[in-house]
Amino acid sequence: MRKKIYIGLCAFAVFFLSVSTLKAATHTYDWFWFLYEKDLSGVYPSTMITPFYLNSKKGTVEYTASLPPFIFSKYVSGYSLSRSWLLGLVGDVDYMHQGKFEDYDFGLVPFCLYGSAQGGKGKYLFIWPVGGTFKGKLTMDYISPWIFPGLALVYIFPPTSFYSLLMMLPVYVAASIVPVYTSYGRADYEAHAILWPLIQWGKSNTTDEFRFLPFYSHNTKKDYYDNKTYGLFVSYGKTFLPKGREEDTLMVFPLLARRWSNDGISGGSSLLWPFFSWGYSRKQGNFELNFPWPFFIYQKSQNPNIHKVVVFPFYGKLQYGKDTMTFISPLYISLRRDSDTFKSDDLIMAFIIWHFTRDYRKSPSPYYGTKWSYFKIWPFFRYETNDSGDVHFNALSILPFRDPAGYEKIYDPLWSLMEYHRDGDMQRFGLFMRTYYQCWNTSSFSVKVPLLVSYDSNMGKISRLTFLCSMFGYEKDMKGSYLRFFWYPARIGEGDASLADVKETETDDLCARDDFYRPEMDGQYRYISFSQAVY
């Protein structure tokens, strides 16, 4: 046992000594095997310890993570801070509103929700299964559910056998998520419910709602609609449209439904809803047919411009304005978007081949340039390039989605067989989880084989050549030239001022540029945890 401890301590000491001698020979990029990387050269300046830590900056946005999304992730911008733990089940958001007051939300889903804001108006607390209040969620100003009796029922009516447990389980689950009493509101609207959604009533200056399922419900909004439901099967509604137009709807669920307007401009019918239906609107130039839904769908509309043809699962084409989606069986999907900012064309084949292109019409993106292309054969490789000359290639590419500033950056080194990157003047090439890795630009060159050899040169002059965890070798920095013998540095000459280490202010200045990153420019979508969506 002592021998194992001694060997472990020696191994740690060797590892620490080798890592402690690393220096950023290129001034903007440094690494150790697949375990460590510090990159100040790209659009996303970052520091990473794979896969346990990542800090990446994108303009005014900073992303920090550890084994995301399983352990921890954090986003910081000029106006907010959001954190997420354990697949988003735990998280908080600290947000600064334009009115310069702070709004804080915390959640341990589904057990606890807490929030506070300056002035006390946004303060709330919800604890399951007792209840409480949470504010600003689900489009409501406040929601106050009280008493979830599921756990109490387990003790009052415990299952006596496995069969009885199976019979009672749906009751236990329903009683655990349905509150006995709930109140909620928005603006001047206030509503109350008992065993929501079974019994509910609410009212405002313009609306009046009542529901007692499964027997009767009546919902009205002045000058908008008047809907009634009898039992679970019959409903009748009236919609009030501009210029005195009215539209009536009668449904006997699920047998038939009929909709008609008092002027004959619009109408529709359904049999065994939603499987067979048709409708039209002469005002919008719209005609729609489902026969049967979802296997055959047809729609043609002039205002808005919509064209939809679906013969599921063989073929489908959906056009809305200038945006189009086409699929031929689940094996071929084409997505085209044409906006004022950019034009994109995405192709997915069998969810194995992915090909994306993007052309910017106004200001170029700092990452995508003016023209950008992405090609991936999952899980073998991914390749992307832009018209600025930037290139990124990885083999393998295991993740089934794209996120170069987060998940790909922290996880790709774990299974990288070969990779090549070019960001501006900086180029990098690696093999077998970066067991061999080199980095170079017009003025510097660096190569590392972990624990064996490290070589750096700057302006054609050698600045480092070391062997065996930097135990032996030659180094030169701004203070002097050294020979290493069993890690001891013996000075043998003068230094070179051009080899000064990069300053942290270079990163801060780079990230302070207002035009460095604009999410609205590139339309890139990121993973959003459940806590971020709720809080």
Protein backbone atom coordinates (compact mmCIF):
# COMPACT_ATOMS: atom_id res chain seq x y z
CA MET A 1 0.00 0.00 0.00
CA ARG A 2 2.80 2.41 0.91
CA LYS A 3 4.53 1.55 -2.35
CA LYS A 4 1.42 2.46 -4.35
CA ILE A 5 1.11 5.76 -2.47
CA TYR A 6 4.77 6.52 -3.10
CA ILE A 7 4.45 5.78 -6.83
CA GLY A 8 1.32 7.93 -7.02
CA LEU A 9 3.02 10.87 -5.31
CA CYS A 10 6.02 10.57 -7.63
CA ALA A 11 3.76 10.48 -10.69
CA PHE A 12 1.89 13.56 -9.47
CA ALA A 13 5.17 15.36 -8.80
CA VAL A 14 6.42 14.61 -12.32
CA PHE A 15 3.13 15.74 -13.82
CA PHE A 16 3.14 18.95 -11.76
CA LEU A 17 6.73 19.79 -12.66
CA SER A 18 6.08 19.20 -16.36
CA VAL A 19 2.94 21.34 -16.39
CA SER A 20 4.51 24.08 -14.29
CA THR A 21 7.21 24.63 -16.91
CA LEU A 22 4.74 25.25 -19.74
CA LYS A 23 4.85 28.67 -21.33
CA ALA A 24 2.81 30.23 -24.12
CA ALA A 25 5.44 30.22 -26.84
CA THR A 26 3.02 31.70 -29.37
CA HIS A 27 1.89 34.33 -26.82
CA THR A 28 -1.76 33.58 -27.63
CA TYR A 29 -2.09 29.79 -27.41
CA ASP A 30 -0.83 27.06 -25.07
CA TRP A 31 -1.87 23.50 -24.22
CA PHE A 32 -0.91 20.27 -22.46
CA TRP A 33 -2.06 17.06 -24.18
CA PHE A 34 -5.87 16.88 -24.35
CA LEU A 35 -6.13 17.99 -20.71
CA TYR A 36 -5.39 21.73 -20.88
CA GLU A 37 -5.78 24.54 -23.38
CA LYS A 38 -5.53 28.32 -23.22
CA ASP A 39 -6.57 30.06 -26.44
CA LEU A 40 -6.44 33.84 -26.81
CA SER A 41 -6.18 33.78 -30.60
CA GLY A 42 -9.69 32.91 -31.79
CA VAL A 43 -13.08 34.57 -31.81
CA TYR A 44 -13.86 32.74 -28.56
CA PRO A 45 -10.93 33.34 -26.14
CA SER A 46 -10.99 30.46 -23.66
CA THR A 47 -9.28 28.49 -20.91
CA MET A 48 -10.08 24.79 -20.60
CA ILE A 49 -9.26 21.74 -18.45
CA THR A 50 -10.96 18.89 -20.31
CA PRO A 51 -13.73 18.07 -19.44
CA PHE A 52 -13.93 19.59 -15.97
CA TYR A 53 -13.59 23.31 -16.66
CA LEU A 54 -14.20 25.70 -19.53
CA ASN A 55 -14.26 29.48 -19.59
CA SER A 56 -15.07 31.04 -22.96
CA LYS A 57 -15.74 34.69 -23.81
CA LYS A 58 -17.88 35.97 -26.67
CA GLY A 59 -17.88 39.74 -26.57
CA THR A 60 -19.87 40.78 -23.50
CA VAL A 61 -21.00 37.17 -22.91
CA GLU A 62 -18.91 34.78 -20.77
CA TYR A 63 -19.60 31.05 -20.55
CA THR A 64 -18.20 28.83 -17.77
CA ALA A 65 -18.93 25.12 -17.45
CA SER A 66 -17.91 21.85 -15.85
CA LEU A 67 -19.06 18.62 -17.52
CA PRO A 68 -22.05 20.47 -19.03
CA PRO A 69 -24.98 19.99 -18.76
CA PHE A 70 -24.54 17.31 -16.08
CA ILE A 71 -22.64 19.28 -13.42
CA PHE A 72 -22.57 23.04 -13.97
CA SER A 73 -22.78 25.85 -16.50
CA LYS A 74 -22.89 29.63 -16.19
CA TYR A 75 -23.62 32.51 -18.57
CA VAL A 76 -22.63 36.07 -17.71
CA SER A 77 -23.49 39.11 -19.82
CA GLY A 78 -23.61 42.83 -19.21
CA TYR A 79 -27.09 42.57 -17.71
CA SER A 80 -27.56 39.02 -16.39
CA LEU A 81 -25.98 36.00 -14.73
CA SER A 82 -27.53 32.53 -15.03
CA ARG A 83 -26.27 29.28 -13.52
CA SER A 84 -27.42 25.70 -13.95
CA TRP A 85 -26.57 22.50 -12.09
CA LEU A 86 -27.53 18.83 -12.59
CA LEU A 87 -29.19 18.91 -16.03
CA GLY A 88 -30.88 22.21 -15.20
CA LEU A 89 -32.87 20.87 -12.26
CA VAL A 90 -31.07 23.41 -10.06
CA GLY A 91 -30.39 26.91 -11.28
CA ASP A 92 -30.65 30.62 -10.71
CA VAL A 93 -30.81 33.83 -12.73
CA ASP A 94 -29.66 37.26 -11.58
CA TYR A 95 -31.02 39.87 -14.01
CA MET A 96 -30.62 43.65 -14.12
CA HIS A 97 -33.65 45.29 -15.75
CA GLN A 98 -33.48 48.42 -17.89
CA GLY A 99 -34.99 50.30 -14.97
CA LYS A 100 -31.76 49.49 -13.12
CA PHE A 101 -33.37 47.21 -10.53
CA GLU A 102 -32.18 43.70 -9.80
CA ASP A 103 -34.35 40.60 -10.27
CA TYR A 104 -33.17 37.27 -8.79
CA ASP A 105 -34.72 33.80 -9.30
CA PHE A 106 -33.66 30.45 -7.87
CA GLY A 107 -35.13 27.01 -8.50
CA LEU A 108 -34.69 23.47 -7.22
CA VAL A 109 -37.17 21.81 -9.57
CA PRO A 110 -39.83 20.81 -8.58
CA PHE A 111 -39.28 21.29 -4.85
CA CYS A 112 -38.47 24.97 -4.41
CA LEU A 113 -38.78 28.24 -6.35
CA TYR A 114 -37.61 31.53 -4.89
CA GLY A 115 -37.39 35.04 -6.27
CA SER A 116 -36.69 38.57 -5.13
CA ALA A 117 -36.48 42.01 -6.70
CA GLN A 118 -35.60 45.46 -5.47
CA GLY A 119 -38.65 47.08 -3.94
CA GLY A 120 -40.15 43.73 -2.90
CA LYS A 121 -42.63 43.49 -5.80
CA GLY A 122 -40.90 40.44 -7.30
CA LYS A 123 -40.40 38.53 -4.05
CA TYR A 124 -41.93 35.04 -3.90
CA LEU A 125 -41.45 31.54 -2.46
CA PHE A 126 -42.85 28.16 -3.50
CA ILE A 127 -42.13 24.90 -1.63
CA TRP A 128 -43.54 21.59 -2.84
CA PRO A 129 -45.79 19.92 -1.64
CA VAL A 130 -47.03 22.73 0.63
CA GLY A 131 -47.34 25.40 -2.07
CA GLY A 132 -46.67 29.11 -2.35
CA THR A 133 -46.26 31.67 -5.13
CA PHE A 134 -44.01 32.20 -8.12
CA LYS A 135 -44.09 35.28 -10.30
CA GLY A 136 -43.43 36.12 -13.93
CA LYS A 137 -43.82 32.52 -15.18
CA LEU A 138 -46.04 30.89 -17.82
CA THR A 139 -47.23 34.32 -19.11
CA MET A 140 -48.80 35.17 -15.73
CA ASP A 141 -47.81 37.90 -13.27
CA TYR A 142 -48.23 35.43 -10.41
CA ILE A 143 -49.32 31.82 -9.82
CA SER A 144 -50.12 30.53 -6.31
CA PRO A 145 -50.77 26.77 -6.08
CA TRP A 146 -51.42 25.28 -2.65
CA ILE A 147 -51.39 21.72 -1.25
CA PHE A 148 -50.19 18.79 -3.38
CA PRO A 149 -51.61 15.79 -1.45
CA GLY A 150 -49.77 13.00 -3.28
CA LEU A 151 -47.35 12.15 -0.44
CA ALA A 152 -50.14 12.33 2.13
CA LEU A 153 -52.21 9.82 0.15
CA VAL A 154 -49.33 7.34 0.21
CA TYR A 155 -49.44 7.37 4.03
CA ILE A 156 -53.24 7.52 4.34
CA PHE A 157 -53.92 4.85 1.70
CA PRO A 158 -50.67 2.84 1.48
CA PRO A 159 -50.49 0.09 -1.16
CA THR A 160 -50.89 -3.37 0.30
CA SER A 161 -49.37 -5.24 -2.65
CA PHE A 162 -47.52 -4.71 -5.87
CA TYR A 163 -50.83 -4.96 -7.76
CA SER A 164 -52.44 -2.28 -5.60
CA LEU A 165 -49.36 -0.08 -6.10
CA LEU A 166 -49.80 -0.30 -9.87
CA MET A 167 -53.48 0.57 -9.50
CA MET A 168 -52.85 3.53 -7.18
CA LEU A 169 -49.72 4.89 -8.86
CA PRO A 170 -51.61 7.13 -11.37
CA VAL A 171 -53.59 8.58 -8.44
CA TYR A 172 -50.43 9.24 -6.42
CA VAL A 173 -48.74 10.94 -9.41
CA ALA A 174 -51.79 13.06 -10.28
CA ALA A 175 -52.23 14.15 -6.67
CA SER A 176 -48.52 15.08 -6.54
CA ILE A 177 -48.69 17.48 -9.50
CA VAL A 178 -52.29 18.82 -9.24
CA PRO A 179 -52.79 21.39 -6.44
CA VAL A 180 -55.94 21.47 -4.34
CA TYR A 181 -56.28 25.24 -4.77
CA THR A 182 -54.65 27.69 -7.19
CA SER A 183 -54.94 31.41 -7.81
CA TYR A 184 -53.25 33.30 -10.62
CA GLY A 185 -53.50 36.58 -12.49
CA ARG A 186 -52.16 38.96 -15.09
CA ALA A 187 -52.80 42.73 -15.17
CA ASP A 188 -56.47 43.14 -14.10
CA TYR A 189 -57.31 39.46 -14.65
CA GLU A 190 -57.70 37.25 -11.56
CA ALA A 191 -58.57 33.56 -11.52
CA HIS A 192 -59.05 30.76 -9.00
CA ALA A 193 -59.09 26.98 -9.40
CA ILE A 194 -59.86 23.88 -7.37
CA LEU A 195 -58.05 20.76 -8.55
CA TRP A 196 -56.95 22.66 -11.67
CA PRO A 197 -57.91 22.23 -14.47
CA LEU A 198 -61.22 20.67 -13.34
CA ILE A 199 -62.79 23.70 -11.62
CA GLN A 200 -61.75 27.25 -12.50
CA TRP A 201 -63.24 30.74 -12.54
CA GLY A 202 -61.70 34.09 -13.45
CA LYS A 203 -62.62 37.63 -14.40
CA SER A 204 -61.23 40.93 -15.65
CA ASN A 205 -62.66 44.12 -17.13
CA THR A 206 -63.07 42.38 -20.50
CA THR A 207 -63.09 38.62 -19.76
CA ASP A 208 -65.28 36.23 -17.78
CA GLU A 209 -64.40 32.54 -17.46
CA PHE A 210 -65.97 29.58 -15.67
CA ARG A 211 -65.19 25.87 -15.94
CA PHE A 212 -66.60 22.84 -14.12
CA LEU A 213 -65.30 19.80 -15.97
CA PRO A 214 -66.65 17.52 -17.26
CA PHE A 215 -70.04 19.24 -17.14
CA TYR A 216 -69.89 22.86 -18.34
CA SER A 217 -67.59 25.76 -19.24
CA HIS A 218 -68.18 29.31 -20.48
CA ASN A 219 -65.44 31.73 -21.58
CA THR A 220 -66.06 35.22 -22.91
CA LYS A 221 -63.95 38.20 -23.91
CA LYS A 222 -65.68 41.41 -24.90
CA ASP A 223 -65.61 42.03 -28.67
CA TYR A 224 -63.41 38.92 -29.19
CA TYR A 225 -65.16 35.59 -28.41
CA ASP A 226 -67.94 33.79 -26.55
CA ASN A 227 -67.39 30.03 -26.11
CA LYS A 228 -69.47 27.39 -24.30
CA THR A 229 -68.88 23.67 -23.70
CA TYR A 230 -71.50 21.15 -22.56
CA GLY A 231 -70.18 17.93 -21.10
CA LEU A 232 -67.06 16.58 -22.77
CA PHE A 233 -68.44 16.40 -26.29
CA VAL A 234 -70.46 19.45 -27.37
CA SER A 235 -69.08 22.97 -27.71
CA TYR A 236 -70.29 26.13 -29.39
CA GLY A 237 -68.31 29.33 -29.91
CA LYS A 238 -68.66 32.71 -31.53
CA THR A 239 -65.71 34.85 -32.63
CA PHE A 240 -66.18 38.57 -33.27
CA LEU A 241 -64.11 39.91 -36.18
CA PRO A 242 -63.53 43.50 -37.39
CA LYS A 243 -66.19 45.34 -39.41
CA GLY A 244 -69.10 43.46 -37.83
CA ARG A 245 -68.02 40.03 -39.04
CA GLU A 246 -68.79 36.99 -36.88
CA GLU A 247 -67.55 33.43 -37.06
CA ASP A 248 -69.43 30.52 -35.40
CA THR A 249 -67.99 27.12 -34.48
CA LEU A 250 -69.98 24.02 -33.49
CA MET A 251 -68.25 20.78 -32.46
CA VAL A 252 -69.63 17.41 -31.40
CA PHE A 253 -66.37 15.76 -30.37
CA PRO A 254 -64.98 13.73 -32.03
CA LEU A 255 -67.63 13.08 -34.65
CA LEU A 256 -68.01 16.37 -36.49
CA ALA A 257 -67.28 20.09 -36.40
CA ARG A 258 -68.48 23.04 -38.47
CA ARG A 259 -67.24 26.62 -38.75
CA TRP A 260 -68.92 29.40 -40.76
CA SER A 261 -69.00 33.20 -40.96
CA ASN A 262 -72.09 35.40 -41.25
CA ASP A 263 -70.89 36.86 -44.57
CA GLY A 264 -69.74 33.59 -46.16
CA ILE A 265 -66.10 34.74 -46.49
CA SER A 266 -64.71 31.87 -44.40
CA GLY A 267 -65.79 28.39 -43.35
CA GLY A 268 -64.71 24.84 -42.66
CA SER A 269 -65.81 21.37 -41.62
CA SER A 270 -64.29 18.39 -39.83
CA LEU A 271 -65.18 14.72 -39.49
CA LEU A 272 -63.55 12.66 -36.73
CA TRP A 273 -61.44 15.71 -35.80
CA PRO A 274 -58.53 16.18 -36.29
CA PHE A 275 -58.18 13.47 -38.94
CA PHE A 276 -60.49 14.81 -41.69
CA SER A 277 -61.02 18.54 -42.12
CA TRP A 278 -61.13 21.33 -44.70
CA GLY A 279 -61.49 25.10 -44.54
CA TYR A 280 -61.20 28.31 -46.55
CA SER A 281 -60.91 32.08 -46.18
CA ARG A 282 -61.56 34.22 -49.24
CA LYS A 283 -60.13 37.29 -47.50
CA GLN A 284 -56.73 35.63 -46.98
CA GLY A 285 -56.89 33.56 -50.16
CA ASN A 286 -56.52 30.50 -47.97
CA PHE A 287 -57.60 26.88 -48.52
CA GLU A 288 -56.60 23.97 -46.26
CA LEU A 289 -57.32 20.23 -46.48
CA ASN A 290 -56.38 17.38 -44.10
CA PHE A 291 -57.44 13.98 -45.46
CA PRO A 292 -56.47 12.31 -43.21
CA TRP A 293 -54.25 14.33 -40.85
CA PRO A 294 -51.25 14.01 -40.45
CA PHE A 295 -50.72 11.75 -43.48
CA PHE A 296 -52.02 14.19 -46.12
CA ILE A 297 -51.98 17.95 -45.55
CA TYR A 298 -52.50 20.69 -48.10
CA GLN A 299 -52.65 24.46 -47.56
CA LYS A 300 -52.39 27.44 -49.88
CA SER A 301 -52.58 31.00 -48.56
CA GLN A 302 -51.83 34.37 -50.13
CA ASN A 303 -51.76 36.56 -47.00
CA PRO A 304 -49.64 35.43 -45.27
CA ASN A 305 -47.81 33.59 -48.05
CA ILE A 306 -48.07 29.90 -47.08
CA HIS A 307 -47.76 26.80 -49.24
CA LYS A 308 -47.90 23.42 -47.53
CA VAL A 309 -47.98 19.93 -49.07
CA VAL A 310 -47.38 16.85 -46.88
CA VAL A 311 -47.71 13.19 -47.86
CA PHE A 312 -46.37 11.73 -44.64
CA PRO A 313 -43.91 10.05 -44.23
CA PHE A 314 -42.80 10.18 -47.87
CA TYR A 315 -42.76 13.84 -48.87
CA GLY A 316 -43.41 17.29 -47.47
CA LYS A 317 -42.86 20.91 -48.46
CA LEU A 318 -43.72 23.79 -46.13
CA GLN A 319 -43.18 27.37 -47.25
CA TYR A 320 -43.85 30.40 -45.05
CA GLY A 321 -42.85 33.67 -46.65
CA LYS A 322 -39.30 33.20 -47.93
CA ASP A 323 -38.52 30.30 -45.56
CA THR A 324 -38.91 26.74 -46.85
CA MET A 325 -38.67 23.26 -45.33
CA THR A 326 -38.65 20.15 -47.54
CA PHE A 327 -38.40 16.50 -46.52
CA ILE A 328 -38.33 13.26 -48.49
CA SER A 329 -39.00 10.54 -45.93
CA PRO A 330 -37.14 11.04 -42.63
CA LEU A 331 -33.87 10.55 -44.53
CA TYR A 332 -33.77 13.92 -46.33
CA ILE A 333 -34.52 17.32 -44.75
CA SER A 334 -33.82 20.70 -46.36
CA LEU A 335 -34.24 24.00 -44.50
CA ARG A 336 -33.87 27.34 -46.27
CA ARG A 337 -34.12 30.75 -44.64
CA ASP A 338 -34.04 34.09 -46.42
CA SER A 339 -34.03 37.10 -44.07
CA ASP A 340 -32.83 40.68 -44.22
CA THR A 341 -29.66 39.73 -42.31
CA PHE A 342 -28.55 36.49 -43.93
CA LYS A 343 -29.53 33.63 -46.23
CA SER A 344 -29.01 30.04 -45.09
CA ASP A 345 -29.41 26.60 -46.65
CA ASP A 346 -29.30 23.54 -44.35
CA LEU A 347 -29.38 19.94 -45.54
CA ILE A 348 -29.70 16.86 -43.27
CA MET A 349 -29.59 13.32 -44.69
CA ALA A 350 -30.49 10.35 -42.47
CA PHE A 351 -29.32 12.45 -39.51
CA ILE A 352 -25.81 11.37 -40.50
CA ILE A 353 -24.85 13.88 -43.22
CA TRP A 354 -25.21 17.54 -42.24
CA HIS A 355 -24.44 20.40 -44.63
CA PHE A 356 -25.07 24.05 -43.65
CA THR A 357 -24.28 27.24 -45.58
CA ARG A 358 -24.81 30.87 -44.63
CA ASP A 359 -24.41 34.14 -46.58
CA TYR A 360 -24.55 37.48 -44.76
CA ARG A 361 -26.08 40.42 -46.56
CA LYS A 362 -25.16 43.25 -44.22
CA SER A 363 -22.45 43.20 -41.55
CA PRO A 364 -20.29 40.05 -41.55
CA SER A 365 -20.20 37.85 -38.46
CA PRO A 366 -16.88 37.76 -36.54
CA TYR A 367 -17.07 33.96 -36.52
CA TYR A 368 -18.94 33.11 -39.74
CA GLY A 369 -17.45 35.86 -41.92
CA THR A 370 -19.53 36.82 -44.98
CA LYS A 371 -19.88 33.25 -46.29
CA TRP A 372 -19.72 30.13 -44.14
CA SER A 373 -20.02 26.40 -44.78
CA TYR A 374 -20.34 23.40 -42.45
CA PHE A 375 -20.17 19.73 -43.43
CA LYS A 376 -20.45 16.74 -41.11
CA ILE A 377 -20.70 12.97 -41.52
CA TRP A 378 -21.69 11.83 -38.05
CA PRO A 379 -19.85 10.54 -36.10
CA PHE A 380 -16.76 10.44 -38.34
CA PHE A 381 -15.79 14.07 -38.94
CA ARG A 382 -16.90 17.69 -39.19
CA TYR A 383 -15.45 20.41 -41.40
CA GLU A 384 -16.30 24.09 -41.50
CA THR A 385 -14.81 27.11 -43.23
CA ASN A 386 -15.58 30.74 -44.04
CA ASP A 387 -14.47 33.29 -46.59
CA SER A 388 -12.04 34.81 -44.05
CA GLY A 389 -9.88 31.70 -44.43
CA ASP A 390 -10.78 30.12 -41.07
CA VAL A 391 -10.96 26.31 -41.07
CA HIS A 392 -12.02 23.76 -38.43
CA PHE A 393 -11.74 19.99 -38.94
CA ASN A 394 -12.28 17.23 -36.38
CA ALA A 395 -12.32 13.46 -36.67
CA LEU A 396 -14.17 12.04 -34.78
CA SER A 397 -17.21 14.26 -34.20
CA ILE A 398 -19.42 12.43 -31.70
CA LEU A 399 -21.87 15.13 -30.59
CA PRO A 400 -25.09 15.16 -32.68
CA PHE A 401 -25.32 18.96 -32.56
CA ARG A 402 -23.11 21.98 -33.14
CA ASP A 403 -21.82 24.33 -30.41
CA PRO A 404 -18.21 25.43 -31.03
CA ALA A 405 -17.98 27.73 -28.00
CA GLY A 406 -19.22 25.17 -25.45
CA TYR A 407 -19.84 21.45 -25.74
CA GLU A 408 -17.65 20.78 -28.79
CA LYS A 409 -14.77 22.71 -27.30
CA ILE A 410 -14.76 20.94 -23.94
CA TYR A 411 -15.58 17.40 -25.16
CA ASP A 412 -13.98 17.05 -28.62
CA PRO A 413 -10.40 16.55 -27.32
CA LEU A 414 -11.54 13.37 -25.52
CA TRP A 415 -12.15 11.49 -28.80
CA SER A 416 -10.12 13.46 -31.33
CA LEU A 417 -8.23 11.21 -33.76
CA MET A 418 -7.14 14.04 -36.04
CA GLU A 419 -7.87 17.77 -35.99
CA TYR A 420 -6.85 20.91 -37.84
CA HIS A 421 -7.82 24.50 -37.04
CA ARG A 422 -6.96 27.82 -38.63
CA ASP A 423 -8.13 31.07 -37.02
CA GLY A 424 -6.68 34.05 -38.82
CA ASP A 425 -2.90 33.73 -38.63
CA MET A 426 -2.96 30.84 -36.13
CA GLN A 427 -2.94 27.18 -37.25
CA ARG A 428 -3.11 23.99 -35.16
CA PHE A 429 -2.81 20.30 -36.01
CA GLY A 430 -3.14 17.26 -33.72
CA LEU A 431 -3.29 13.45 -33.75
CA PHE A 432 -4.70 10.84 -31.34
CA MET A 433 -6.21 12.97 -28.57
CA ARG A 434 -3.46 15.56 -29.11
CA THR A 435 -0.73 13.05 -28.32
CA TYR A 436 1.05 14.87 -31.14
CA TYR A 437 0.02 18.53 -31.43
CA GLN A 438 1.60 21.50 -33.12
CA CYS A 439 0.65 25.18 -33.30
CA TRP A 440 2.16 27.79 -35.58
CA ASN A 441 1.78 31.15 -37.29
CA THR A 442 4.04 33.40 -39.38
CA SER A 443 6.33 34.20 -36.44
CA SER A 444 6.24 31.17 -34.13
CA PHE A 445 6.12 27.38 -34.11
CA SER A 446 5.40 24.98 -31.22
CA VAL A 447 5.24 21.16 -30.97
CA LYS A 448 4.49 18.92 -27.99
CA VAL A 449 4.48 15.17 -27.43
CA PRO A 450 3.14 14.93 -23.85
CA LEU A 451 5.68 14.01 -21.18
CA LEU A 452 8.36 13.41 -23.86
CA VAL A 453 9.26 16.41 -26.03
CA SER A 454 8.41 20.12 -26.21
CA TYR A 455 9.75 22.46 -28.88
CA ASP A 456 9.11 26.20 -29.43
CA SER A 457 10.64 28.71 -31.79
CA ASN A 458 10.00 32.40 -32.30
CA MET A 459 11.12 34.42 -35.34
CA GLY A 460 13.28 31.48 -36.40
CA LYS A 461 15.02 31.27 -33.01
CA ILE A 462 14.63 28.34 -30.62
CA SER A 463 12.99 29.40 -27.36
CA ARG A 464 12.48 25.94 -25.86
CA LEU A 465 13.57 22.33 -26.46
CA THR A 466 12.93 20.01 -23.49
CA PHE A 467 12.68 16.25 -22.90
CA LEU A 468 11.09 13.86 -20.39
CA CYS A 469 8.60 16.14 -18.65
CA SER A 470 10.96 19.11 -19.09
CA MET A 471 13.54 17.28 -16.98
CA PHE A 472 16.28 18.12 -19.51
CA GLY A 473 16.54 20.78 -22.19
CA TYR A 474 17.07 24.35 -23.22
CA GLU A 475 14.80 27.38 -22.63
CA LYS A 476 14.99 31.07 -23.40
CA ASP A 477 12.63 33.80 -22.19
CA MET A 478 12.77 37.56 -21.69
CA LYS A 479 14.96 37.17 -18.56
CA GLY A 480 17.61 34.79 -19.84
CA SER A 481 18.70 31.51 -21.47
CA TYR A 482 18.76 28.32 -19.39
CA LEU A 483 19.83 24.70 -19.52
CA ARG A 484 17.63 22.30 -17.53
CA PHE A 485 19.13 19.29 -15.75
CA PHE A 486 16.71 17.33 -13.60
CA TRP A 487 14.43 20.41 -13.80
CA TYR A 488 17.11 22.70 -12.36
CA PRO A 489 17.54 25.76 -14.65
CA ALA A 490 21.16 26.90 -15.06
CA ARG A 491 21.48 30.32 -16.69
CA ILE A 492 23.82 30.38 -19.68
CA GLY A 493 22.99 33.63 -21.50
CA GLU A 494 20.88 36.76 -21.95
CA GLY A 495 17.11 36.83 -22.55
CA ASP A 496 14.93 38.10 -25.40
CA ALA A 497 12.27 40.77 -24.73
CA SER A 498 10.15 39.50 -27.65
CA LEU A 499 9.41 36.33 -25.62
CA ALA A 500 7.42 38.13 -22.92
CA ASP A 501 4.32 36.25 -21.79
CA VAL A 502 0.95 37.49 -23.07
CA LYS A 503 -0.87 39.83 -20.71
CA GLU A 504 -4.41 39.15 -19.55
CA THR A 505 -5.36 42.67 -20.64
CA GLU A 506 -5.06 41.53 -24.25
CA THR A 507 -8.01 39.20 -23.72
CA ASP A 508 -10.00 41.82 -21.83
CA ASP A 509 -9.46 44.38 -24.59
CA LEU A 510 -10.46 41.85 -27.23
CA CYS A 511 -13.68 40.98 -25.42
CA ALA A 512 -14.61 44.60 -24.76
CA ARG A 513 -15.37 45.32 -28.42
CA ASP A 514 -19.07 45.98 -28.84
CA ASP A 515 -19.14 44.36 -32.30
CA PHE A 516 -17.21 41.26 -31.20
CA TYR A 517 -20.27 39.01 -30.97
CA ARG A 518 -23.91 39.60 -31.75
CA PRO A 519 -26.19 36.59 -31.26
CA GLU A 520 -28.91 38.19 -33.36
CA MET A 521 -26.53 38.34 -36.34
CA ASP A 522 -25.73 34.67 -36.74
CA GLY A 523 -28.97 33.08 -35.58
CA GLN A 524 -27.05 30.37 -33.70
CA TYR A 525 -29.12 28.42 -31.21
CA ARG A 526 -27.60 27.04 -28.01
CA TYR A 527 -28.66 24.49 -25.48
CA ILE A 528 -31.00 26.06 -22.90
CA SER A 529 -31.48 24.19 -19.65
CA PHE A 530 -34.87 23.60 -18.08
CA SER A 531 -33.99 25.99 -15.26
CA GLN A 532 -33.17 28.79 -17.73
CA ALA A 533 -36.48 28.28 -19.49
CA VAL A 534 -38.43 28.35 -16.21
CA TYR A 535 -36.54 31.00 -14.30
